[in-house]
Amino acid sequence: MMKMIVDAKPEIIKIPKNKISIFMYKFTKAESKFDFFIMICIILNMVQMAMTFEGMTAEYTKGLEYSNYFFTAVFTLEATFKLIGNGSAYFIPGWHKFDFFVVCSSYIDIVMA
C-alpha cells in the first residue's frame, strides 16, 4: 500500500484558454447534466444491444440499426466535445482512451455491417 502511495502521481488538469474550449470543458465535466445524459445513453445502448434475438422481423432489425446509429452519433459528439474541451489532455486518462477506441470501433462495425 505504501508503494502505491509513493508511486501515485497527481492528476494534472489543464484549463483551456479559448472561450469555446472553456465552454466545452465546463459542459462535459464530471457530475454535470451532460455526464448524466451520457450515462443514461450508455445504459439504453446496453439494453438496445441485448434486444437482438433470432427470428427478428425486418422492421425490428431496422429499428435496432437506427438506434445504433443514434447512439454512435451521441458518443461521437461526447468524444468530440471532450476533445475540444480538454485538448491533447483528453488522451491522458485510460478511460478516455477506451472511450475513443469504442467510438472508432463503432464506425468500423457500421462499415463492416
PDB file of N, CA and C in Angstrom:
ATOM      1  N   MET A   1       0.835  -1.188   0.000  1.00  0.00           N
ATOM      2  CA  MET A   1       0.000   0.000   0.000  1.00  0.00           C
ATOM      3  C   MET A   1       0.877   1.248   0.000  1.00  0.00           C
ATOM      4  N   MET A   2       1.959   1.209   0.790  1.00  0.00           N
ATOM      5  CA  MET A   2       2.877   2.360   0.843  1.00  0.00           C
ATOM      6  C   MET A   2       3.520   2.596  -0.524  1.00  0.00           C
ATOM      7  N   LYS A   3       3.883   1.516  -1.218  1.00  0.00           N
ATOM      8  CA  LYS A   3       4.492   1.645  -2.546  1.00  0.00           C
ATOM      9  C   LYS A   3       3.511   2.313  -3.512  1.00  0.00           C
ATOM     10  N   MET A   4       2.225   1.925  -3.438  1.00  0.00           N
ATOM     11  CA  MET A   4       1.213   2.536  -4.302  1.00  0.00           C
ATOM     12  C   MET A   4       1.079   4.027  -4.005  1.00  0.00           C
ATOM     13  N   ILE A   5       1.134   4.382  -2.733  1.00  0.00           N
ATOM     14  CA  ILE A   5       1.007   5.790  -2.355  1.00  0.00           C
ATOM     15  C   ILE A   5       2.208   6.583  -2.850  1.00  0.00           C
ATOM     16  N   VAL A   6       3.397   6.012  -2.711  1.00  0.00           N
ATOM     17  CA  VAL A   6       4.613   6.701  -3.156  1.00  0.00           C
ATOM     18  C   VAL A   6       4.642   6.832  -4.672  1.00  0.00           C
ATOM     19  N   ASP A   7       4.184   5.788  -5.380  1.00  0.00           N
ATOM     20  CA  ASP A   7       4.212   5.804  -6.848  1.00  0.00           C
ATOM     21  C   ASP A   7       3.081   6.617  -7.475  1.00  0.00           C
ATOM     22  N   ALA A   8       2.081   6.985  -6.688  1.00  0.00           N
ATOM     23  CA  ALA A   8       0.944   7.739  -7.227  1.00  0.00           C
ATOM     24  C   ALA A   8       1.394   9.119  -7.695  1.00  0.00           C
ATOM     25  N   LYS A   9       0.846   9.521  -8.826  1.00  0.00           N
ATOM     26  CA  LYS A   9       1.173  10.827  -9.394  1.00  0.00           C
ATOM     27  C   LYS A   9      -0.097  11.669  -9.412  1.00  0.00           C
ATOM     28  N   PRO A  10       0.034  12.955  -9.162  1.00  0.00           N
ATOM     29  CA  PRO A  10      -1.167  13.802  -9.181  1.00  0.00           C
ATOM     30  C   PRO A  10      -1.703  13.954 -10.593  1.00  0.00           C
ATOM     31  N   GLU A  11      -3.012  14.119 -10.679  1.00  0.00           N
ATOM     32  CA  GLU A  11      -3.646  14.354 -11.977  1.00  0.00           C
ATOM     33  C   GLU A  11      -3.460  15.829 -12.330  1.00  0.00           C
ATOM     34  N   ILE A  12      -2.885  16.069 -13.476  1.00  0.00           N
ATOM     35  CA  ILE A  12      -2.652  17.441 -13.920  1.00  0.00           C
ATOM     36  C   ILE A  12      -3.835  17.870 -14.773  1.00  0.00           C
ATOM     37  N   ILE A  13      -4.516  18.897 -14.324  1.00  0.00           N
ATOM     38  CA  ILE A  13      -5.678  19.399 -15.045  1.00  0.00           C
ATOM     39  C   ILE A  13      -5.286  20.688 -15.749  1.00  0.00           C
ATOM     40  N   LYS A  14      -5.390  20.670 -17.064  1.00  0.00           N
ATOM     41  CA  LYS A  14      -5.073  21.862 -17.852  1.00  0.00           C
ATOM     42  C   LYS A  14      -6.373  22.559 -18.221  1.00  0.00           C
ATOM     43  N   ILE A  15      -6.561  23.752 -17.691  1.00  0.00           N
ATOM     44  CA  ILE A  15      -7.743  24.537 -18.009  1.00  0.00           C
ATOM     45  C   ILE A  15      -7.498  25.203 -19.366  1.00  0.00           C
ATOM     46  N   PRO A  16      -8.420  25.034 -20.316  1.00  0.00           N
ATOM     47  CA  PRO A  16      -8.232  25.642 -21.643  1.00  0.00           C
ATOM     48  C   PRO A  16      -8.296  27.161 -21.587  1.00  0.00           C
ATOM     49  N   LYS A  17      -7.797  27.785 -22.651  1.00  0.00           N
ATOM     50  CA  LYS A  17      -7.731  29.239 -22.680  1.00  0.00           C
ATOM     51  C   LYS A  17      -8.746  29.895 -23.616  1.00  0.00           C
ATOM     52  N   ASN A  18      -9.153  29.241 -24.690  1.00  0.00           N
ATOM     53  CA  ASN A  18     -10.101  29.898 -25.595  1.00  0.00           C
ATOM     54  C   ASN A  18     -11.541  29.642 -25.133  1.00  0.00           C
ATOM     55  N   LYS A  19     -12.449  30.515 -25.517  1.00  0.00           N
ATOM     56  CA  LYS A  19     -13.814  30.507 -24.986  1.00  0.00           C
ATOM     57  C   LYS A  19     -14.580  29.226 -25.314  1.00  0.00           C
ATOM     58  N   ILE A  20     -14.430  28.730 -26.534  1.00  0.00           N
ATOM     59  CA  ILE A  20     -15.150  27.515 -26.927  1.00  0.00           C
ATOM     60  C   ILE A  20     -14.643  26.324 -26.122  1.00  0.00           C
ATOM     61  N   SER A  21     -13.334  26.223 -25.966  1.00  0.00           N
ATOM     62  CA  SER A  21     -12.759  25.120 -25.194  1.00  0.00           C
ATOM     63  C   SER A  21     -13.165  25.199 -23.729  1.00  0.00           C
ATOM     64  N   ILE A  22     -13.198  26.394 -23.179  1.00  0.00           N
ATOM     65  CA  ILE A  22     -13.619  26.561 -21.782  1.00  0.00           C
ATOM     66  C   ILE A  22     -15.072  26.119 -21.629  1.00  0.00           C
ATOM     67  N   PHE A  23     -15.931  26.537 -22.568  1.00  0.00           N
ATOM     68  CA  PHE A  23     -17.338  26.132 -22.515  1.00  0.00           C
ATOM     69  C   PHE A  23     -17.470  24.613 -22.570  1.00  0.00           C
ATOM     70  N   MET A  24     -16.757  23.963 -23.515  1.00  0.00           N
ATOM     71  CA  MET A  24     -16.831  22.510 -23.659  1.00  0.00           C
ATOM     72  C   MET A  24     -16.258  21.810 -22.427  1.00  0.00           C
ATOM     73  N   TYR A  25     -15.204  22.371 -21.865  1.00  0.00           N
ATOM     74  CA  TYR A  25     -14.593  21.797 -20.663  1.00  0.00           C
ATOM     75  C   TYR A  25     -15.596  21.803 -19.509  1.00  0.00           C
ATOM     76  N   LYS A  26     -16.259  22.922 -19.299  1.00  0.00           N
ATOM     77  CA  LYS A  26     -17.241  23.028 -18.214  1.00  0.00           C
ATOM     78  C   LYS A  26     -18.494  22.205 -18.509  1.00  0.00           C
ATOM     79  N   PHE A  27     -18.904  22.172 -19.782  1.00  0.00           N
ATOM     80  CA  PHE A  27     -20.110  21.453 -20.197  1.00  0.00           C
ATOM     81  C   PHE A  27     -19.970  19.950 -19.990  1.00  0.00           C
ATOM     82  N   THR A  28     -18.764  19.406 -20.197  1.00  0.00           N
ATOM     83  CA  THR A  28     -18.555  17.959 -20.152  1.00  0.00           C
ATOM     84  C   THR A  28     -17.911  17.474 -18.860  1.00  0.00           C
ATOM     85  N   LYS A  29     -17.704  18.346 -17.906  1.00  0.00           N
ATOM     86  CA  LYS A  29     -17.029  17.908 -16.681  1.00  0.00           C
ATOM     87  C   LYS A  29     -17.861  16.853 -15.955  1.00  0.00           C
ATOM     88  N   ALA A  30     -17.191  16.107 -15.076  1.00  0.00           N
ATOM     89  CA  ALA A  30     -17.855  15.030 -14.342  1.00  0.00           C
ATOM     90  C   ALA A  30     -18.981  15.580 -13.470  1.00  0.00           C
ATOM     91  N   GLU A  31     -20.000  14.773 -13.307  1.00  0.00           N
ATOM     92  CA  GLU A  31     -21.166  15.084 -12.481  1.00  0.00           C
ATOM     93  C   GLU A  31     -21.995  16.264 -12.999  1.00  0.00           C
ATOM     94  N   SER A  32     -21.942  16.492 -14.296  1.00  0.00           N
ATOM     95  CA  SER A  32     -22.779  17.523 -14.916  1.00  0.00           C
ATOM     96  C   SER A  32     -24.024  16.857 -15.504  1.00  0.00           C
ATOM     97  N   LYS A  33     -24.952  17.665 -15.987  1.00  0.00           N
ATOM     98  CA  LYS A  33     -26.152  17.125 -16.640  1.00  0.00           C
ATOM     99  C   LYS A  33     -25.764  16.355 -17.893  1.00  0.00           C
ATOM    100  N   PHE A  34     -24.756  16.839 -18.604  1.00  0.00           N
ATOM    101  CA  PHE A  34     -24.267  16.156 -19.802  1.00  0.00           C
ATOM    102  C   PHE A  34     -23.742  14.774 -19.429  1.00  0.00           C
ATOM    103  N   ASP A  35     -22.981  14.690 -18.348  1.00  0.00           N
ATOM    104  CA  ASP A  35     -22.439  13.417 -17.882  1.00  0.00           C
ATOM    105  C   ASP A  35     -23.576  12.454 -17.522  1.00  0.00           C
ATOM    106  N   PHE A  36     -24.611  12.963 -16.893  1.00  0.00           N
ATOM    107  CA  PHE A  36     -25.786  12.162 -16.541  1.00  0.00           C
ATOM    108  C   PHE A  36     -26.491  11.659 -17.809  1.00  0.00           C
ATOM    109  N   PHE A  37     -26.637  12.533 -18.807  1.00  0.00           N
ATOM    110  CA  PHE A  37     -27.249  12.158 -20.081  1.00  0.00           C
ATOM    111  C   PHE A  37     -26.454  11.047 -20.767  1.00  0.00           C
ATOM    112  N   ILE A  38     -25.134  11.160 -20.752  1.00  0.00           N
ATOM    113  CA  ILE A  38     -24.278  10.142 -21.377  1.00  0.00           C
ATOM    114  C   ILE A  38     -24.425   8.813 -20.642  1.00  0.00           C
ATOM    115  N   MET A  39     -24.516   8.856 -19.323  1.00  0.00           N
ATOM    116  CA  MET A  39     -24.684   7.618 -18.562  1.00  0.00           C
ATOM    117  C   MET A  39     -26.007   6.942 -18.909  1.00  0.00           C
ATOM    118  N   ILE A  40     -27.066   7.723 -19.062  1.00  0.00           N
ATOM    119  CA  ILE A  40     -28.364   7.165 -19.468  1.00  0.00           C
ATOM    120  C   ILE A  40     -28.260   6.557 -20.863  1.00  0.00           C
ATOM    121  N   CYS A  41     -27.553   7.245 -21.772  1.00  0.00           N
ATOM    122  CA  CYS A  41     -27.372   6.710 -23.138  1.00  0.00           C
ATOM    123  C   CYS A  41     -26.596   5.399 -23.117  1.00  0.00           C
ATOM    124  N   ILE A  42     -25.597   5.291 -22.247  1.00  0.00           N
ATOM    125  CA  ILE A  42     -24.820   4.049 -22.151  1.00  0.00           C
ATOM    126  C   ILE A  42     -25.724   2.907 -21.701  1.00  0.00           C
ATOM    127  N   ILE A  43     -26.562   3.170 -20.709  1.00  0.00           N
ATOM    128  CA  ILE A  43     -27.471   2.133 -20.207  1.00  0.00           C
ATOM    129  C   ILE A  43     -28.482   1.734 -21.287  1.00  0.00           C
ATOM    130  N   LEU A  44     -29.064   2.739 -21.960  1.00  0.00           N
ATOM    131  CA  LEU A  44     -30.024   2.444 -23.030  1.00  0.00           C
ATOM    132  C   LEU A  44     -29.368   1.697 -24.184  1.00  0.00           C
ATOM    133  N   ASN A  45     -28.124   2.028 -24.481  1.00  0.00           N
ATOM    134  CA  ASN A  45     -27.403   1.338 -25.546  1.00  0.00           C
ATOM    135  C   ASN A  45     -27.172  -0.125 -25.168  1.00  0.00           C
ATOM    136  N   MET A  46     -26.866  -0.376 -23.913  1.00  0.00           N
ATOM    137  CA  MET A  46     -26.699  -1.763 -23.465  1.00  0.00           C
ATOM    138  C   MET A  46     -28.013  -2.528 -23.591  1.00  0.00           C
ATOM    139  N   VAL A  47     -29.118  -1.891 -23.233  1.00  0.00           N
ATOM    140  CA  VAL A  47     -30.432  -2.531 -23.374  1.00  0.00           C
ATOM    141  C   VAL A  47     -30.716  -2.809 -24.843  1.00  0.00           C
ATOM    142  N   GLN A  48     -30.420  -1.831 -25.695  1.00  0.00           N
ATOM    143  CA  GLN A  48     -30.643  -1.984 -27.133  1.00  0.00           C
ATOM    144  C   GLN A  48     -29.828  -3.147 -27.697  1.00  0.00           C
ATOM    145  N   MET A  49     -28.585  -3.305 -27.244  1.00  0.00           N
ATOM    146  CA  MET A  49     -27.758  -4.403 -27.731  1.00  0.00           C
ATOM    147  C   MET A  49     -28.282  -5.753 -27.252  1.00  0.00           C
ATOM    148  N   ALA A  50     -28.942  -5.761 -26.102  1.00  0.00           N
ATOM    149  CA  ALA A  50     -29.473  -7.011 -25.563  1.00  0.00           C
ATOM    150  C   ALA A  50     -30.819  -7.391 -26.186  1.00  0.00           C
ATOM    151  N   MET A  51     -31.374  -6.541 -27.023  1.00  0.00           N
ATOM    152  CA  MET A  51     -32.710  -6.776 -27.587  1.00  0.00           C
ATOM    153  C   MET A  51     -32.695  -7.618 -28.867  1.00  0.00           C
ATOM    154  N   THR A  52     -31.530  -8.044 -29.299  1.00  0.00           N
ATOM    155  CA  THR A  52     -31.477  -8.858 -30.519  1.00  0.00           C
ATOM    156  C   THR A  52     -31.849 -10.302 -30.192  1.00  0.00           C
ATOM    157  N   PHE A  53     -32.504 -10.956 -31.126  1.00  0.00           N
ATOM    158  CA  PHE A  53     -32.869 -12.362 -30.972  1.00  0.00           C
ATOM    159  C   PHE A  53     -33.030 -12.973 -32.355  1.00  0.00           C
ATOM    160  N   GLU A  54     -32.985 -14.280 -32.401  1.00  0.00           N
ATOM    161  CA  GLU A  54     -33.132 -14.990 -33.672  1.00  0.00           C
ATOM    162  C   GLU A  54     -34.578 -14.887 -34.146  1.00  0.00           C
ATOM    163  N   GLY A  55     -34.760 -14.610 -35.417  1.00  0.00           N
ATOM    164  CA  GLY A  55     -36.086 -14.513 -35.995  1.00  0.00           C
ATOM    165  C   GLY A  55     -36.693 -13.119 -35.907  1.00  0.00           C
ATOM    166  N   MET A  56     -35.849 -12.097 -35.780  1.00  0.00           N
ATOM    167  CA  MET A  56     -36.355 -10.719 -35.719  1.00  0.00           C
ATOM    168  C   MET A  56     -36.957 -10.330 -37.061  1.00  0.00           C
ATOM    169  N   THR A  57     -37.996  -9.513 -37.021  1.00  0.00           N
ATOM    170  CA  THR A  57     -38.580  -9.014 -38.263  1.00  0.00           C
ATOM    171  C   THR A  57     -37.658  -7.963 -38.869  1.00  0.00           C
ATOM    172  N   ALA A  58     -37.871  -7.673 -40.133  1.00  0.00           N
ATOM    173  CA  ALA A  58     -37.043  -6.683 -40.827  1.00  0.00           C
ATOM    174  C   ALA A  58     -37.216  -5.298 -40.203  1.00  0.00           C
ATOM    175  N   GLU A  59     -38.445  -4.957 -39.813  1.00  0.00           N
ATOM    176  CA  GLU A  59     -38.700  -3.649 -39.205  1.00  0.00           C
ATOM    177  C   GLU A  59     -38.000  -3.524 -37.859  1.00  0.00           C
ATOM    178  N   TYR A  60     -38.043  -4.592 -37.083  1.00  0.00           N
ATOM    179  CA  TYR A  60     -37.388  -4.605 -35.768  1.00  0.00           C
ATOM    180  C   TYR A  60     -35.876  -4.446 -35.929  1.00  0.00           C
ATOM    181  N   THR A  61     -35.316  -5.164 -36.906  1.00  0.00           N
ATOM    182  CA  THR A  61     -33.877  -5.075 -37.178  1.00  0.00           C
ATOM    183  C   THR A  61     -33.499  -3.664 -37.603  1.00  0.00           C
ATOM    184  N   LYS A  62     -34.306  -3.045 -38.472  1.00  0.00           N
ATOM    185  CA  LYS A  62     -34.051  -1.666 -38.905  1.00  0.00           C
ATOM    186  C   LYS A  62     -34.113  -0.703 -37.723  1.00  0.00           C
ATOM    187  N   GLY A  63     -35.083  -0.909 -36.840  1.00  0.00           N
ATOM    188  CA  GLY A  63     -35.189  -0.063 -35.653  1.00  0.00           C
ATOM    189  C   GLY A  63     -33.957  -0.147 -34.772  1.00  0.00           C
ATOM    190  N   LEU A  64     -33.448  -1.367 -34.572  1.00  0.00           N
ATOM    191  CA  LEU A  64     -32.222  -1.537 -33.791  1.00  0.00           C
ATOM    192  C   LEU A  64     -31.023  -0.912 -34.494  1.00  0.00           C
ATOM    193  N   GLU A  65     -31.013  -1.022 -35.815  1.00  0.00           N
ATOM    194  CA  GLU A  65     -29.920  -0.436 -36.599  1.00  0.00           C
ATOM    195  C   GLU A  65     -29.930   1.086 -36.467  1.00  0.00           C
ATOM    196  N   TYR A  66     -31.101   1.694 -36.590  1.00  0.00           N
ATOM    197  CA  TYR A  66     -31.199   3.149 -36.468  1.00  0.00           C
ATOM    198  C   TYR A  66     -30.871   3.626 -35.052  1.00  0.00           C
ATOM    199  N   SER A  67     -31.277   2.847 -34.055  1.00  0.00           N
ATOM    200  CA  SER A  67     -30.925   3.246 -32.688  1.00  0.00           C
ATOM    201  C   SER A  67     -29.421   3.130 -32.469  1.00  0.00           C
ATOM    202  N   ASN A  68     -28.779   2.167 -33.123  1.00  0.00           N
ATOM    203  CA  ASN A  68     -27.318   2.055 -33.055  1.00  0.00           C
ATOM    204  C   ASN A  68     -26.658   3.288 -33.674  1.00  0.00           C
ATOM    205  N   TYR A  69     -27.190   3.762 -34.793  1.00  0.00           N
ATOM    206  CA  TYR A  69     -26.669   4.981 -35.416  1.00  0.00           C
ATOM    207  C   TYR A  69     -26.817   6.174 -34.472  1.00  0.00           C
ATOM    208  N   PHE A  70     -27.970   6.257 -33.810  1.00  0.00           N
ATOM    209  CA  PHE A  70     -28.217   7.356 -32.873  1.00  0.00           C
ATOM    210  C   PHE A  70     -27.187   7.341 -31.738  1.00  0.00           C
ATOM    211  N   PHE A  71     -26.993   6.181 -31.118  1.00  0.00           N
ATOM    212  CA  PHE A  71     -26.047   6.098 -30.001  1.00  0.00           C
ATOM    213  C   PHE A  71     -24.614   6.348 -30.460  1.00  0.00           C
ATOM    214  N   THR A  72     -24.270   5.889 -31.645  1.00  0.00           N
ATOM    215  CA  THR A  72     -22.931   6.159 -32.178  1.00  0.00           C
ATOM    216  C   THR A  72     -22.732   7.662 -32.358  1.00  0.00           C
ATOM    217  N   ALA A  73     -23.754   8.347 -32.862  1.00  0.00           N
ATOM    218  CA  ALA A  73     -23.664   9.803 -33.035  1.00  0.00           C
ATOM    219  C   ALA A  73     -23.532  10.506 -31.688  1.00  0.00           C
ATOM    220  N   VAL A  74     -24.301  10.071 -30.691  1.00  0.00           N
ATOM    221  CA  VAL A  74     -24.228  10.688 -29.357  1.00  0.00           C
ATOM    222  C   VAL A  74     -22.839  10.493 -28.765  1.00  0.00           C
ATOM    223  N   PHE A  75     -22.292   9.294 -28.849  1.00  0.00           N
ATOM    224  CA  PHE A  75     -20.982   9.025 -28.265  1.00  0.00           C
ATOM    225  C   PHE A  75     -19.869   9.714 -29.055  1.00  0.00           C
ATOM    226  N   THR A  76     -20.075   9.903 -30.359  1.00  0.00           N
ATOM    227  CA  THR A  76     -19.113  10.666 -31.152  1.00  0.00           C
ATOM    228  C   THR A  76     -19.112  12.127 -30.717  1.00  0.00           C
ATOM    229  N   LEU A  77     -20.304  12.678 -30.505  1.00  0.00           N
ATOM    230  CA  LEU A  77     -20.388  14.065 -30.018  1.00  0.00           C
ATOM    231  C   LEU A  77     -19.752  14.198 -28.643  1.00  0.00           C
ATOM    232  N   GLU A  78     -19.972  13.219 -27.781  1.00  0.00           N
ATOM    233  CA  GLU A  78     -19.349  13.267 -26.459  1.00  0.00           C
ATOM    234  C   GLU A  78     -17.831  13.316 -26.577  1.00  0.00           C
ATOM    235  N   ALA A  79     -17.265  12.418 -27.377  1.00  0.00           N
ATOM    236  CA  ALA A  79     -15.811  12.381 -27.547  1.00  0.00           C
ATOM    237  C   ALA A  79     -15.307  13.672 -28.168  1.00  0.00           C
ATOM    238  N   THR A  80     -16.037  14.206 -29.143  1.00  0.00           N
ATOM    239  CA  THR A  80     -15.638  15.457 -29.797  1.00  0.00           C
ATOM    240  C   THR A  80     -15.676  16.614 -28.817  1.00  0.00           C
ATOM    241  N   PHE A  81     -16.757  16.722 -28.043  1.00  0.00           N
ATOM    242  CA  PHE A  81     -16.864  17.804 -27.058  1.00  0.00           C
ATOM    243  C   PHE A  81     -15.744  17.723 -26.028  1.00  0.00           C
ATOM    244  N   LYS A  82     -15.451  16.515 -25.558  1.00  0.00           N
ATOM    245  CA  LYS A  82     -14.384  16.355 -24.567  1.00  0.00           C
ATOM    246  C   LYS A  82     -13.014  16.632 -25.177  1.00  0.00           C
ATOM    247  N   LEU A  83     -12.845  16.266 -26.432  1.00  0.00           N
ATOM    248  CA  LEU A  83     -11.581  16.536 -27.119  1.00  0.00           C
ATOM    249  C   LEU A  83     -11.378  18.036 -27.296  1.00  0.00           C
ATOM    250  N   ILE A  84     -12.437  18.751 -27.633  1.00  0.00           N
ATOM    251  CA  ILE A  84     -12.352  20.211 -27.762  1.00  0.00           C
ATOM    252  C   ILE A  84     -12.079  20.839 -26.398  1.00  0.00           C
ATOM    253  N   GLY A  85     -12.765  20.357 -25.371  1.00  0.00           N
ATOM    254  CA  GLY A  85     -12.624  20.932 -24.043  1.00  0.00           C
ATOM    255  C   GLY A  85     -11.305  20.625 -23.366  1.00  0.00           C
ATOM    256  N   ASN A  86     -10.757  19.451 -23.609  1.00  0.00           N
ATOM    257  CA  ASN A  86      -9.526  19.042 -22.919  1.00  0.00           C
ATOM    258  C   ASN A  86      -8.281  19.085 -23.793  1.00  0.00           C
ATOM    259  N   GLY A  87      -8.460  19.216 -25.086  1.00  0.00           N
ATOM    260  CA  GLY A  87      -7.298  19.216 -25.979  1.00  0.00           C
ATOM    261  C   GLY A  87      -6.578  17.880 -25.932  1.00  0.00           C
ATOM    262  N   SER A  88      -5.253  17.921 -26.022  1.00  0.00           N
ATOM    263  CA  SER A  88      -4.467  16.682 -26.016  1.00  0.00           C
ATOM    264  C   SER A  88      -4.510  15.988 -24.657  1.00  0.00           C
ATOM    265  N   ALA A  89      -4.883  16.706 -23.597  1.00  0.00           N
ATOM    266  CA  ALA A  89      -5.006  16.100 -22.268  1.00  0.00           C
ATOM    267  C   ALA A  89      -6.164  15.100 -22.219  1.00  0.00           C
ATOM    268  N   TYR A  90      -7.021  15.119 -23.221  1.00  0.00           N
ATOM    269  CA  TYR A  90      -8.134  14.161 -23.296  1.00  0.00           C
ATOM    270  C   TYR A  90      -7.611  12.736 -23.275  1.00  0.00           C
ATOM    271  N   PHE A  91      -6.456  12.490 -23.876  1.00  0.00           N
ATOM    272  CA  PHE A  91      -5.935  11.136 -24.011  1.00  0.00           C
ATOM    273  C   PHE A  91      -5.085  10.693 -22.831  1.00  0.00           C
ATOM    274  N   ILE A  92      -4.987  11.495 -21.785  1.00  0.00           N
ATOM    275  CA  ILE A  92      -4.186  11.098 -20.620  1.00  0.00           C
ATOM    276  C   ILE A  92      -4.885  10.011 -19.803  1.00  0.00           C
ATOM    277  N   PRO A  93      -6.156  10.188 -19.387  1.00  0.00           N
ATOM    278  CA  PRO A  93      -6.798   9.110 -18.618  1.00  0.00           C
ATOM    279  C   PRO A  93      -7.089   7.891 -19.493  1.00  0.00           C
ATOM    280  N   GLY A  94      -6.879   6.722 -18.925  1.00  0.00           N
ATOM    281  CA  GLY A  94      -7.134   5.480 -19.657  1.00  0.00           C
ATOM    282  C   GLY A  94      -8.592   5.336 -20.070  1.00  0.00           C
ATOM    283  N   TRP A  95      -9.501   5.866 -19.265  1.00  0.00           N
ATOM    284  CA  TRP A  95     -10.923   5.758 -19.573  1.00  0.00           C
ATOM    285  C   TRP A  95     -11.254   6.490 -20.869  1.00  0.00           C
ATOM    286  N   HIS A  96     -10.644   7.646 -21.097  1.00  0.00           N
ATOM    287  CA  HIS A  96     -10.891   8.398 -22.332  1.00  0.00           C
ATOM    288  C   HIS A  96     -10.313   7.676 -23.540  1.00  0.00           C
ATOM    289  N   LYS A  97      -9.164   7.048 -23.358  1.00  0.00           N
ATOM    290  CA  LYS A  97      -8.577   6.263 -24.450  1.00  0.00           C
ATOM    291  C   LYS A  97      -9.523   5.130 -24.847  1.00  0.00           C
ATOM    292  N   PHE A  98     -10.056   4.459 -23.830  1.00  0.00           N
ATOM    293  CA  PHE A  98     -11.004   3.372 -24.088  1.00  0.00           C
ATOM    294  C   PHE A  98     -12.262   3.897 -24.767  1.00  0.00           C
ATOM    295  N   ASP A  99     -12.769   5.020 -24.292  1.00  0.00           N
ATOM    296  CA  ASP A  99     -13.966   5.648 -24.865  1.00  0.00           C
ATOM    297  C   ASP A  99     -13.741   5.977 -26.342  1.00  0.00           C
ATOM    298  N   PHE A 100     -12.597   6.552 -26.662  1.00  0.00           N
ATOM    299  CA  PHE A 100     -12.269   6.906 -28.046  1.00  0.00           C
ATOM    300  C   PHE A 100     -12.156   5.644 -28.903  1.00  0.00           C
ATOM    301  N   PHE A 101     -11.558   4.590 -28.348  1.00  0.00           N
ATOM    302  CA  PHE A 101     -11.442   3.317 -29.060  1.00  0.00           C
ATOM    303  C   PHE A 101     -12.824   2.737 -29.373  1.00  0.00           C
ATOM    304  N   VAL A 102     -13.741   2.805 -28.410  1.00  0.00           N
ATOM    305  CA  VAL A 102     -15.095   2.280 -28.609  1.00  0.00           C
ATOM    306  C   VAL A 102     -15.824   3.067 -29.698  1.00  0.00           C
ATOM    307  N   VAL A 103     -15.662   4.392 -29.701  1.00  0.00           N
ATOM    308  CA  VAL A 103     -16.306   5.220 -30.737  1.00  0.00           C
ATOM    309  C   VAL A 103     -15.757   4.854 -32.118  1.00  0.00           C
ATOM    310  N   CYS A 104     -14.446   4.730 -32.224  1.00  0.00           N
ATOM    311  CA  CYS A 104     -13.847   4.353 -33.513  1.00  0.00           C
ATOM    312  C   CYS A 104     -14.288   2.950 -33.928  1.00  0.00           C
ATOM    313  N   SER A 105     -14.371   2.041 -32.973  1.00  0.00           N
ATOM    314  CA  SER A 105     -14.820   0.673 -33.266  1.00  0.00           C
ATOM    315  C   SER A 105     -16.264   0.649 -33.734  1.00  0.00           C
ATOM    316  N   SER A 106     -17.080   1.565 -33.219  1.00  0.00           N
ATOM    317  CA  SER A 106     -18.482   1.638 -33.649  1.00  0.00           C
ATOM    318  C   SER A 106     -18.572   1.960 -35.131  1.00  0.00           C
ATOM    319  N   TYR A 107     -17.720   2.859 -35.589  1.00  0.00           N
ATOM    320  CA  TYR A 107     -17.724   3.195 -37.020  1.00  0.00           C
ATOM    321  C   TYR A 107     -17.238   2.015 -37.869  1.00  0.00           C
ATOM    322  N   ILE A 108     -16.252   1.289 -37.367  1.00  0.00           N
ATOM    323  CA  ILE A 108     -15.786   0.107 -38.086  1.00  0.00           C
ATOM    324  C   ILE A 108     -16.908  -0.913 -38.175  1.00  0.00           C
ATOM    325  N   ASP A 109     -17.655  -1.074 -37.077  1.00  0.00           N
ATOM    326  CA  ASP A 109     -18.785  -2.011 -37.055  1.00  0.00           C
ATOM    327  C   ASP A 109     -19.853  -1.602 -38.064  1.00  0.00           C
ATOM    328  N   ILE A 110     -20.143  -0.317 -38.134  1.00  0.00           N
ATOM    329  CA  ILE A 110     -21.161   0.168 -39.086  1.00  0.00           C
ATOM    330  C   ILE A 110     -20.721  -0.078 -40.522  1.00  0.00           C
ATOM    331  N   VAL A 111     -19.454   0.196 -40.818  1.00  0.00           N
ATOM    332  CA  VAL A 111     -18.937  -0.002 -42.169  1.00  0.00           C
ATOM    333  C   VAL A 111     -18.914  -1.483 -42.530  1.00  0.00           C
ATOM    334  N   MET A 112     -18.522  -2.331 -41.590  1.00  0.00           N
ATOM    335  CA  MET A 112     -18.436  -3.765 -41.859  1.00  0.00           C
ATOM    336  C   MET A 112     -19.829  -4.394 -42.017  1.00  0.00           C
ATOM    337  N   ALA A 113     -20.832  -3.809 -41.374  1.00  0.00           N
ATOM    338  CA  ALA A 113     -22.181  -4.381 -41.470  1.00  0.00           C
ATOM    339  C   ALA A 113     -22.741  -4.078 -42.841  1.00  0.00           C
TER     340      ALA A 113
END
